[in-house]
Amino acid sequence: MKTKQAGAVAMAALMVAGALLTGCAGGGDQSVPADDVPAVSEPTTRTVLDSNGTEVSIPADVERVAPGIGAFAQVTEMLTQGSGKIAAAAVKQISDDFKSTFPDYAQSNPDNRDASSVEDLVAAEVQVVYGPESLYSDEQRAQLDEAGIAFVALNNIGSVDGMCESILTIGEILGSDEQAVAQRFVDYYRAGLSDAEKRTAGIADADKRGTLQLNMAGGAYTCATKDDISNAYYVAAGARNVAADYTGAKSGQYPTVDAEQIVAWNPSLIVAMNAETKDAVMADPALAEIDAVRNGNVVTCPTGLYLWCVRSGEGALMTPWLGTALYPDLFSDVDMVNVLQDFYQEFYRADLSAGDAEIILAGA
C-alpha cells in the first residue's frame, strides 16, 4: 500500500515538473513586454578640465560657442571644419580675411555678437565660452553662471605646451570630431619644431645667429624675451635670442628697449612684428651700423589670419619660416609658399594662391 502511494506521489511530482518545464520552454507568457522596458536616456552634460584643473560641466552636444580671443576664434574655425559653431567672438580681432576664409562664421554670428559682452552671449544663445580668466570680472562670471553659460578658463597660452594643451581642450569642448582635428594639428605643430631642431642640431652655440624680435609701440621699441612663446621658435630654428635674458620695463606684454642696447646686442637678424616697425628700424640712424641693418636682414613677421610670432595656431608656421631666413642652406628643401598652401588646405579647407602666399610671407 505504501509502495503504491509513493509511486503516485512520484508520478504527480513528475507531472508538475513537466508542466513547469513546458511553461518555461514556451516562455511567451513569462516575458516582459518591450514597451515596459525602461529606455536608457543619453547624458545631457559632460565635464572638461580647464587650465586650472577645475572640472567644468558643459552640454553633451556643443553647437554654439564663443572663443574669447581672436587666436581662439582661428583655432575654433580650424577645428570645426566649417560647421559654423562660433555664435560670438572677439569681433575687433576678426579680420576681413578671416571672414572670407571661413564663410560659415558670417552665418553662425550674423549679428556680430561680441564675446566680451555677457548680454551678447545670452542673446546669441551661447553654450560655452572659453579663454583667459582675465576676460571677465567676477560679476560677469556670475552673470554667465546665472544664464547657464559655461566658462572654461584657458590661461596657459604663453608657451608651446600651453597652447597645445589649450587647443586640445577646445577640441574636447567642441566634440569628438573636432578633438581628432585638434590632435592632428598639435602633432603638426610639434613636428615643425622637432624638424627644425634636428636640422640645426649641429650648429655650435658660438655660431648661432643673433636674432631680435622688435615691435614699435608708443614711439618706443619693445622686444621679445625668453618668456615669450616666440622664443621657442627661435631656439628650435637654431637662433640665439639676444634679448632672451633682458629685463627692461614693460610696455604692455613686452619690455621696452632703447637703440643703445640694440646696438650693443648687434643682432644679425631682426624680425619686426609689422611693417611699421621694419620701416622705423631701417630709418633709425642710431641703428644704421648694426649687422642686421647693414646686411639687409630686417624682415617682417608673416601675418595670415593671425600674426605668426604670437600665441596663435599659425605659430606652427613660424619655426620653418625662421629656419629658411636664418639658415637657407639647412632648409633648402623647405618652400614656404608650398608649406603655407598645404597648411591652408589641410586646416582651413581653403585654396591659397601662390601670390597670396607671398603676400602673407612678406608680412603686414
Protein backbone atom coordinates (compact mmCIF):
# COMPACT_ATOMS: atom_id res chain seq x y z
CA MET A 1 0.00 0.00 0.00
CA LYS A 2 2.82 2.37 0.94
CA THR A 3 4.58 1.47 -2.29
CA LYS A 4 1.56 2.40 -4.41
CA GLN A 5 1.18 5.71 -2.55
CA ALA A 6 4.83 6.55 -3.01
CA GLY A 7 4.55 5.79 -6.72
CA ALA A 8 1.53 8.01 -7.07
CA VAL A 9 3.30 10.87 -5.32
CA ALA A 10 6.36 10.46 -7.58
CA MET A 11 4.16 10.43 -10.69
CA ALA A 12 2.38 13.61 -9.56
CA ALA A 13 5.71 15.30 -8.93
CA LEU A 14 6.92 14.37 -12.43
CA MET A 15 3.73 15.75 -13.98
CA VAL A 16 4.14 19.09 -12.12
CA ALA A 17 7.79 19.34 -13.13
CA GLY A 18 6.89 18.62 -16.74
CA ALA A 19 4.27 21.31 -16.71
CA LEU A 20 6.75 23.79 -15.30
CA LEU A 21 9.35 22.89 -17.92
CA THR A 22 6.80 23.24 -20.69
CA GLY A 23 5.84 26.69 -19.42
CA CYS A 24 9.46 27.78 -19.28
CA ALA A 25 10.19 26.42 -22.73
CA GLY A 26 7.25 28.28 -24.25
CA GLY A 27 8.26 31.43 -22.38
CA GLY A 28 5.71 33.62 -24.15
CA ASP A 29 3.64 34.29 -21.06
CA GLN A 30 6.73 34.89 -18.90
CA SER A 31 8.43 37.63 -20.99
CA VAL A 32 8.28 41.38 -20.18
CA PRO A 33 6.58 43.40 -22.93
CA ALA A 34 9.05 45.51 -24.89
CA ASP A 35 7.04 48.66 -24.14
CA ASP A 36 7.59 48.07 -20.42
CA VAL A 37 11.44 48.05 -20.70
CA PRO A 38 12.73 51.41 -19.38
CA ALA A 39 14.60 53.45 -22.03
CA VAL A 40 18.24 54.34 -21.35
CA SER A 41 18.50 58.14 -21.52
CA GLU A 42 21.54 59.82 -23.06
CA PRO A 43 23.53 62.12 -20.74
CA THR A 44 22.77 65.81 -21.24
CA THR A 45 26.06 67.09 -19.81
CA ARG A 46 29.73 66.16 -19.65
CA THR A 47 32.77 67.67 -17.97
CA VAL A 48 36.07 69.12 -19.20
CA LEU A 49 39.08 70.32 -17.23
CA ASP A 50 40.07 73.96 -17.53
CA SER A 51 43.70 75.07 -17.32
CA ASN A 52 43.41 75.31 -13.53
CA GLY A 53 42.45 71.65 -13.31
CA THR A 54 38.86 72.53 -12.39
CA GLU A 55 36.04 70.37 -13.75
CA VAL A 56 33.54 72.41 -15.77
CA SER A 57 30.15 70.99 -16.72
CA ILE A 58 29.19 71.65 -20.34
CA PRO A 59 26.34 70.39 -22.57
CA ALA A 60 26.83 66.93 -24.04
CA ASP A 61 26.33 68.39 -27.52
CA VAL A 62 28.01 71.76 -28.03
CA GLU A 63 26.82 73.69 -31.07
CA ARG A 64 27.20 77.36 -30.09
CA VAL A 65 30.45 78.67 -28.63
CA ALA A 66 32.23 81.95 -28.03
CA PRO A 67 36.04 81.97 -28.21
CA GLY A 68 37.07 84.90 -26.05
CA ILE A 69 40.18 85.95 -28.01
CA GLY A 70 40.92 86.20 -31.72
CA ALA A 71 43.54 83.46 -31.63
CA PHE A 72 40.97 81.02 -30.29
CA ALA A 73 38.47 82.03 -32.98
CA GLN A 74 41.08 80.97 -35.55
CA VAL A 75 41.65 77.70 -33.67
CA THR A 76 37.91 77.07 -33.41
CA GLU A 77 37.32 77.51 -37.14
CA MET A 78 40.31 75.29 -37.84
CA LEU A 79 38.89 72.51 -35.66
CA THR A 80 35.22 72.76 -36.62
CA GLN A 81 35.99 72.37 -40.32
CA GLY A 82 33.34 74.86 -41.40
CA SER A 83 30.46 73.60 -39.26
CA GLY A 84 29.57 77.08 -38.01
CA LYS A 85 29.76 76.86 -34.22
CA ILE A 86 31.01 80.38 -33.39
CA ALA A 87 27.98 82.34 -32.15
CA ALA A 88 30.01 85.22 -30.70
CA ALA A 89 33.67 86.25 -30.86
CA ALA A 90 36.22 88.96 -30.07
CA VAL A 91 34.86 90.89 -33.03
CA LYS A 92 37.56 93.58 -33.06
CA GLN A 93 40.09 90.82 -33.73
CA ILE A 94 38.16 89.26 -36.60
CA SER A 95 39.60 90.41 -39.93
CA ASP A 96 38.02 90.50 -43.37
CA ASP A 97 40.46 87.76 -44.41
CA PHE A 98 39.15 85.64 -41.55
CA LYS A 99 35.57 86.11 -42.75
CA SER A 100 36.41 85.29 -46.36
CA THR A 101 38.41 82.22 -45.39
CA PHE A 102 35.64 80.93 -43.09
CA PRO A 103 32.30 81.84 -44.70
CA ASP A 104 30.42 79.83 -42.07
CA TYR A 105 31.39 82.46 -39.48
CA ALA A 106 29.08 85.08 -41.01
CA GLN A 107 26.24 82.56 -40.88
CA SER A 108 26.81 81.47 -37.28
CA ASN A 109 27.40 85.03 -36.00
CA PRO A 110 25.24 87.14 -38.35
CA ASP A 111 24.62 89.87 -35.77
CA ASN A 112 28.32 90.31 -34.96
CA ARG A 113 27.85 89.32 -31.33
CA ASP A 114 30.83 90.24 -29.14
CA ALA A 115 32.26 87.68 -26.72
CA SER A 116 33.22 90.46 -24.28
CA SER A 117 29.53 91.29 -23.70
CA VAL A 118 27.51 89.00 -21.45
CA GLU A 119 24.36 90.48 -22.97
CA ASP A 120 25.54 89.45 -26.44
CA LEU A 121 26.46 85.97 -25.23
CA VAL A 122 22.98 85.47 -23.80
CA ALA A 123 21.30 86.85 -26.93
CA ALA A 124 23.41 84.55 -29.13
CA GLU A 125 22.38 81.54 -27.02
CA VAL A 126 26.00 80.62 -26.44
CA GLN A 127 26.54 77.37 -24.56
CA VAL A 128 30.25 77.59 -23.77
CA VAL A 129 32.75 80.47 -23.59
CA TYR A 130 36.50 79.84 -23.38
CA GLY A 131 39.59 81.99 -22.98
CA PRO A 132 41.80 83.59 -20.31
CA GLU A 133 40.13 84.26 -16.95
CA SER A 134 41.09 87.92 -17.25
CA LEU A 135 38.41 88.38 -19.91
CA TYR A 136 35.59 88.62 -17.37
CA SER A 137 35.11 90.19 -13.96
CA ASP A 138 33.71 88.19 -11.05
CA GLU A 139 30.37 89.92 -11.63
CA GLN A 140 30.35 88.89 -15.30
CA ARG A 141 31.27 85.33 -14.37
CA ALA A 142 28.31 85.25 -12.00
CA GLN A 143 26.06 86.52 -14.78
CA LEU A 144 27.31 83.75 -17.08
CA ASP A 145 26.56 81.17 -14.39
CA GLU A 146 23.07 82.59 -13.88
CA ALA A 147 22.45 82.41 -17.64
CA GLY A 148 23.59 78.80 -17.78
CA ILE A 149 26.61 79.61 -19.94
CA ALA A 150 29.69 77.54 -19.10
CA PHE A 151 33.06 79.30 -18.92
CA VAL A 152 36.22 77.27 -19.45
CA ALA A 153 39.37 79.11 -18.38
CA LEU A 154 42.31 78.66 -20.74
CA ASN A 155 45.17 80.63 -19.24
CA ASN A 156 48.29 78.74 -20.26
CA ILE A 157 48.84 80.21 -23.71
CA GLY A 158 52.30 81.73 -23.26
CA SER A 159 54.20 78.58 -24.22
CA VAL A 160 54.06 75.89 -26.88
CA ASP A 161 52.98 73.29 -24.33
CA GLY A 162 50.29 75.62 -23.01
CA MET A 163 48.98 76.39 -26.49
CA CYS A 164 48.86 72.69 -27.37
CA GLU A 165 47.00 71.94 -24.15
CA SER A 166 44.52 74.74 -24.84
CA ILE A 167 43.94 73.60 -28.43
CA LEU A 168 43.26 70.05 -27.27
CA THR A 169 40.82 71.34 -24.64
CA ILE A 170 38.98 73.41 -27.25
CA GLY A 171 38.72 70.27 -29.37
CA GLU A 172 37.30 68.38 -26.41
CA ILE A 173 34.73 71.13 -25.80
CA LEU A 174 33.59 71.10 -29.42
CA GLY A 175 33.18 67.33 -29.81
CA SER A 176 34.87 64.11 -30.85
CA ASP A 177 35.39 65.09 -34.49
CA GLU A 178 36.99 68.37 -33.50
CA GLN A 179 39.08 66.60 -30.88
CA ALA A 180 40.60 64.42 -33.61
CA VAL A 181 41.48 67.50 -35.69
CA ALA A 182 43.00 69.14 -32.61
CA GLN A 183 45.28 66.17 -32.05
CA ARG A 184 46.29 66.18 -35.71
CA PHE A 185 47.14 69.87 -35.51
CA VAL A 186 49.13 69.52 -32.29
CA ASP A 187 51.14 66.73 -33.91
CA TYR A 188 51.81 69.03 -36.89
CA TYR A 189 52.80 71.92 -34.59
CA ARG A 190 55.29 69.82 -32.62
CA ALA A 191 56.67 68.14 -35.73
CA GLY A 192 57.67 71.51 -37.18
CA LEU A 193 59.66 72.33 -34.06
CA SER A 194 61.25 68.89 -33.96
CA ASP A 195 62.25 69.01 -37.64
CA ALA A 196 63.95 72.39 -37.20
CA GLU A 197 65.77 71.21 -34.08
CA LYS A 198 67.19 68.25 -35.98
CA ARG A 199 68.30 70.41 -38.91
CA THR A 200 70.13 72.88 -36.66
CA ALA A 201 71.46 70.44 -34.06
CA GLY A 202 74.99 70.63 -35.48
CA ILE A 203 75.33 74.41 -35.08
CA ALA A 204 77.67 75.32 -32.23
CA ASP A 205 76.34 77.88 -29.76
CA ALA A 206 79.03 80.34 -30.79
CA ASP A 207 77.90 80.08 -34.41
CA LYS A 208 74.18 80.58 -33.83
CA ARG A 209 72.93 83.78 -35.41
CA GLY A 210 71.94 86.53 -33.01
CA THR A 211 68.30 87.36 -33.58
CA LEU A 212 66.00 90.04 -32.15
CA GLN A 213 62.23 90.37 -32.39
CA LEU A 214 61.15 94.01 -32.23
CA ASN A 215 57.95 95.99 -32.16
CA MET A 216 57.42 99.76 -32.19
CA ALA A 217 54.84 100.72 -29.56
CA GLY A 218 54.09 104.28 -28.48
CA GLY A 219 57.25 105.59 -30.10
CA ALA A 220 59.48 103.07 -28.31
CA TYR A 221 60.96 99.72 -29.28
CA THR A 222 59.85 96.62 -27.40
CA CYS A 223 61.41 93.16 -27.64
CA ALA A 224 60.58 89.51 -27.04
CA THR A 225 62.47 87.77 -24.23
CA LYS A 226 62.75 84.11 -23.25
CA ASP A 227 59.36 84.41 -21.52
CA ASP A 228 57.58 84.95 -24.84
CA ILE A 229 56.21 81.99 -26.81
CA SER A 230 58.23 83.09 -29.84
CA ASN A 231 61.47 82.27 -28.03
CA ALA A 232 60.72 78.56 -28.51
CA TYR A 233 60.53 79.15 -32.27
CA TYR A 234 63.88 80.96 -32.34
CA VAL A 235 65.58 78.28 -30.26
CA ALA A 236 64.21 75.44 -32.41
CA ALA A 237 65.35 77.22 -35.57
CA GLY A 238 68.90 77.49 -34.25
CA ALA A 239 68.84 81.19 -33.41
CA ARG A 240 70.28 82.94 -30.38
CA ASN A 241 67.70 85.33 -28.99
CA VAL A 242 69.93 88.26 -27.98
CA ALA A 243 67.16 89.63 -25.72
CA ALA A 244 66.43 86.32 -24.01
CA ASP A 245 67.53 87.47 -20.54
CA TYR A 246 66.66 91.14 -20.92
CA THR A 247 64.63 92.66 -18.05
CA GLY A 248 63.61 96.16 -19.11
CA ALA A 249 60.47 98.00 -18.02
CA LYS A 250 57.41 96.60 -19.76
CA SER A 251 55.11 98.42 -22.14
CA GLY A 252 52.17 96.06 -22.31
CA GLN A 253 53.30 92.50 -22.93
CA TYR A 254 56.89 93.31 -23.93
CA PRO A 255 59.77 95.22 -22.27
CA THR A 256 60.94 98.44 -23.86
CA VAL A 257 64.48 98.66 -25.20
CA ASP A 258 66.49 101.62 -26.46
CA ALA A 259 68.69 101.90 -29.53
CA GLU A 260 71.86 101.83 -27.43
CA GLN A 261 71.02 98.37 -26.12
CA ILE A 262 70.12 97.12 -29.61
CA VAL A 263 73.48 98.35 -30.88
CA ALA A 264 75.22 96.52 -28.02
CA TRP A 265 73.44 93.31 -28.95
CA ASN A 266 74.22 93.81 -32.66
CA PRO A 267 71.79 91.16 -33.98
CA SER A 268 72.41 89.66 -37.39
CA LEU A 269 68.66 89.26 -37.99
CA ILE A 270 65.81 91.47 -36.78
CA VAL A 271 62.23 90.20 -37.02
CA ALA A 272 59.89 93.18 -36.99
CA MET A 273 56.37 92.40 -35.82
CA ASN A 274 54.86 94.63 -38.50
CA ALA A 275 55.83 96.74 -41.49
CA GLU A 276 55.79 99.98 -39.46
CA THR A 277 58.41 98.58 -37.10
CA LYS A 278 60.61 97.49 -40.00
CA ASP A 279 60.39 100.95 -41.54
CA ALA A 280 61.28 102.54 -38.19
CA VAL A 281 64.33 100.30 -37.75
CA MET A 282 65.59 100.93 -41.27
CA ALA A 283 65.14 104.70 -40.88
CA ASP A 284 66.72 104.94 -37.42
CA PRO A 285 70.22 106.48 -37.77
CA ALA A 286 71.18 105.06 -34.39
CA LEU A 287 70.77 101.54 -35.79
CA ALA A 288 72.38 102.11 -39.18
CA GLU A 289 75.60 100.25 -38.34
CA ILE A 290 74.25 97.08 -36.76
CA ASP A 291 74.74 93.92 -38.79
CA ALA A 292 71.05 93.28 -39.46
CA VAL A 293 70.53 96.73 -40.99
CA ARG A 294 73.81 96.91 -42.90
CA ASN A 295 73.25 93.49 -44.47
CA GLY A 296 69.56 93.96 -45.24
CA ASN A 297 68.46 91.33 -42.73
CA VAL A 298 65.47 93.12 -41.24
CA VAL A 299 62.36 91.10 -42.05
CA THR A 300 58.69 91.42 -41.16
CA CYS A 301 56.95 88.58 -39.36
CA PRO A 302 54.34 86.94 -41.61
CA THR A 303 50.67 87.51 -40.87
CA GLY A 304 48.00 85.21 -42.26
CA LEU A 305 44.76 85.18 -40.32
CA TYR A 306 46.88 85.89 -37.28
CA LEU A 307 50.41 87.10 -36.58
CA TRP A 308 52.79 84.11 -36.59
CA CYS A 309 55.15 85.17 -33.80
CA VAL A 310 52.48 85.43 -31.10
CA ARG A 311 50.30 82.85 -29.37
CA SER A 312 48.15 81.56 -32.19
CA GLY A 313 47.63 78.44 -34.25
CA GLU A 314 49.64 79.97 -37.08
CA GLY A 315 52.64 79.95 -34.77
CA ALA A 316 53.09 76.42 -36.10
CA LEU A 317 54.42 78.03 -39.29
CA MET A 318 56.88 80.37 -37.60
CA THR A 319 59.69 77.87 -36.97
CA PRO A 320 60.16 76.59 -40.54
CA TRP A 321 59.92 80.18 -41.83
CA LEU A 322 62.61 81.28 -39.39
CA GLY A 323 64.79 78.37 -40.48
CA THR A 324 64.65 79.48 -44.10
CA ALA A 325 65.53 83.06 -43.09
CA LEU A 326 68.38 82.09 -40.77
CA TYR A 327 69.98 79.08 -42.44
CA PRO A 328 68.80 78.78 -46.06
CA ASP A 329 71.32 76.01 -46.77
CA LEU A 330 69.92 73.82 -43.97
CA PHE A 331 66.34 74.49 -45.06
CA SER A 332 66.92 74.49 -48.83
CA ASP A 333 64.18 71.89 -49.41
CA VAL A 334 61.58 73.93 -47.50
CA ASP A 335 59.43 76.01 -49.84
CA MET A 336 57.37 78.24 -47.57
CA VAL A 337 54.86 79.00 -50.32
CA ASN A 338 54.10 75.29 -50.61
CA VAL A 339 54.13 74.87 -46.82
CA LEU A 340 51.63 77.71 -46.44
CA GLN A 341 49.37 76.45 -49.25
CA ASP A 342 49.35 72.95 -47.73
CA PHE A 343 48.52 74.41 -44.31
CA TYR A 344 45.54 76.33 -45.67
CA GLN A 345 44.26 73.27 -47.47
CA GLU A 346 44.78 70.92 -44.53
CA PHE A 347 43.48 73.06 -41.68
CA TYR A 348 41.43 75.85 -43.27
CA ARG A 349 39.96 73.82 -46.15
CA ALA A 350 40.84 76.80 -48.38
CA ASP A 351 42.84 77.20 -51.55
CA LEU A 352 45.60 79.80 -51.33
CA SER A 353 47.22 81.12 -54.49
CA ALA A 354 51.00 81.42 -54.70
CA GLY A 355 50.60 85.20 -54.97
CA ASP A 356 48.53 85.42 -51.80
CA ALA A 357 51.02 83.17 -50.02
CA GLU A 358 53.82 85.55 -51.00
CA ILE A 359 51.84 88.48 -49.59
CA ILE A 360 51.41 86.66 -46.27
CA LEU A 361 55.09 85.76 -46.14
CA ALA A 362 56.08 89.38 -46.75
CA GLY A 363 54.34 90.44 -43.53
CA ALA A 364 51.91 93.23 -42.88
